[in-house]
Amino acid sequence: MHFPLNPLRFQIIFVFYRFANIIVGNAKVLCRQSLWNHLLHHYKDKRVLVEGPVSNMRESRVALPRLRRADGEHIYRLRMRLRKEF
């Protein structure tokens, strides 16, 4: 999967795969984009953001930067959807 920046594509991907999401990549790089930033912070708050080899996964200790401002209405909608589903 590529990194969707379109909020609609982002939402569709996570609606279809909401029970098993595996995101492989550098969390600090992904956090530069607002949609990914919010999603990774949500996973970290729920304590499901993990790192390490598959045989030894542990909770991630990476310090994720917070963005200074939200990028618009799509962030609010994604936040509300995540609260309902998790």
Protein backbone atom coordinates (compact mmCIF):
# COMPACT_ATOMS: atom_id res chain seq x y z
CA MET A 1 0.00 0.00 0.00
CA HIS A 2 1.25 3.49 -0.72
CA PHE A 3 0.87 6.36 1.72
CA PRO A 4 -2.52 7.92 1.03
CA LEU A 5 -2.68 11.65 1.59
CA ASN A 6 -6.24 12.03 0.33
CA PRO A 7 -8.53 11.91 3.41
CA LEU A 8 -11.21 9.95 1.54
CA ARG A 9 -8.80 7.22 0.44
CA PHE A 10 -7.31 7.16 3.91
CA GLN A 11 -10.74 6.59 5.44
CA ILE A 12 -11.71 3.90 2.93
CA ILE A 13 -8.51 1.94 3.54
CA PHE A 14 -9.02 1.92 7.30
CA VAL A 15 -12.72 1.07 7.08
CA PHE A 16 -11.91 -2.07 5.08
CA TYR A 17 -8.94 -3.04 7.25
CA ARG A 18 -10.06 -1.79 10.66
CA PHE A 19 -9.47 -5.06 12.53
CA ALA A 20 -5.89 -5.70 11.45
CA ASN A 21 -3.70 -2.75 10.55
CA ILE A 22 -0.01 -3.26 10.13
CA ILE A 23 1.84 -0.08 9.26
CA VAL A 24 5.49 -0.51 8.38
CA GLY A 25 7.58 2.60 8.28
CA ASN A 26 9.31 5.30 10.21
CA ALA A 27 6.80 6.78 12.67
CA LYS A 28 8.61 10.11 12.85
CA VAL A 29 8.45 10.50 9.07
CA LEU A 30 4.79 9.46 8.91
CA CYS A 31 3.93 11.97 11.66
CA ARG A 32 4.86 14.87 9.39
CA GLN A 33 1.53 14.47 7.59
CA SER A 34 -1.53 15.38 9.66
CA LEU A 35 -3.68 12.31 8.94
CA TRP A 36 -0.90 9.89 9.83
CA ASN A 37 0.05 12.01 12.83
CA HIS A 38 -3.42 11.75 14.29
CA LEU A 39 -3.71 8.02 13.56
CA LEU A 40 -0.35 7.18 15.14
CA HIS A 41 -1.15 9.26 18.22
CA HIS A 42 -4.49 7.47 18.50
CA TYR A 43 -2.76 4.08 18.35
CA LYS A 44 -0.16 5.20 20.89
CA ASP A 45 -2.88 6.44 23.28
CA LYS A 46 -4.63 3.06 22.97
CA ARG A 47 -1.26 1.33 23.59
CA VAL A 48 -1.38 -0.65 20.33
CA LEU A 49 1.57 1.04 18.62
CA VAL A 50 4.33 -1.57 18.74
CA GLU A 51 7.85 -1.97 17.42
CA GLY A 52 10.49 -4.63 17.08
CA PRO A 53 10.80 -7.98 15.32
CA VAL A 54 7.63 -10.01 14.84
CA SER A 55 8.83 -12.61 17.34
CA ASN A 56 9.35 -9.96 20.03
CA MET A 57 6.90 -7.08 19.62
CA ARG A 58 6.78 -4.52 22.40
CA GLU A 59 4.99 -1.23 22.98
CA SER A 60 6.66 1.58 21.08
CA ARG A 61 8.55 4.18 23.10
CA VAL A 62 9.14 6.55 20.19
CA ALA A 63 8.34 10.19 20.98
CA LEU A 64 5.88 11.27 18.30
CA PRO A 65 5.79 14.98 17.49
CA ARG A 66 2.42 16.70 17.68
CA LEU A 67 1.42 19.01 14.86
CA ARG A 68 0.71 22.58 15.89
CA ARG A 69 -2.62 22.83 14.08
CA ALA A 70 -5.18 20.54 12.51
CA ASP A 71 -5.41 20.55 8.72
CA GLY A 72 -9.15 20.90 8.57
CA GLU A 73 -12.49 19.21 8.86
CA HIS A 74 -11.23 15.78 7.68
CA ILE A 75 -9.14 15.46 10.87
CA TYR A 76 -12.22 16.08 13.00
CA ARG A 77 -14.22 13.48 11.06
CA LEU A 78 -11.43 10.91 11.32
CA ARG A 79 -11.12 11.55 15.05
CA MET A 80 -14.86 11.02 15.57
CA ARG A 81 -14.84 7.84 13.46
CA LEU A 82 -11.89 6.40 15.40
CA ARG A 83 -13.62 7.09 18.71
CA LYS A 84 -16.72 5.20 17.57
CA GLU A 85 -14.85 2.17 16.24
CA PHE A 86 -12.29 1.68 19.00
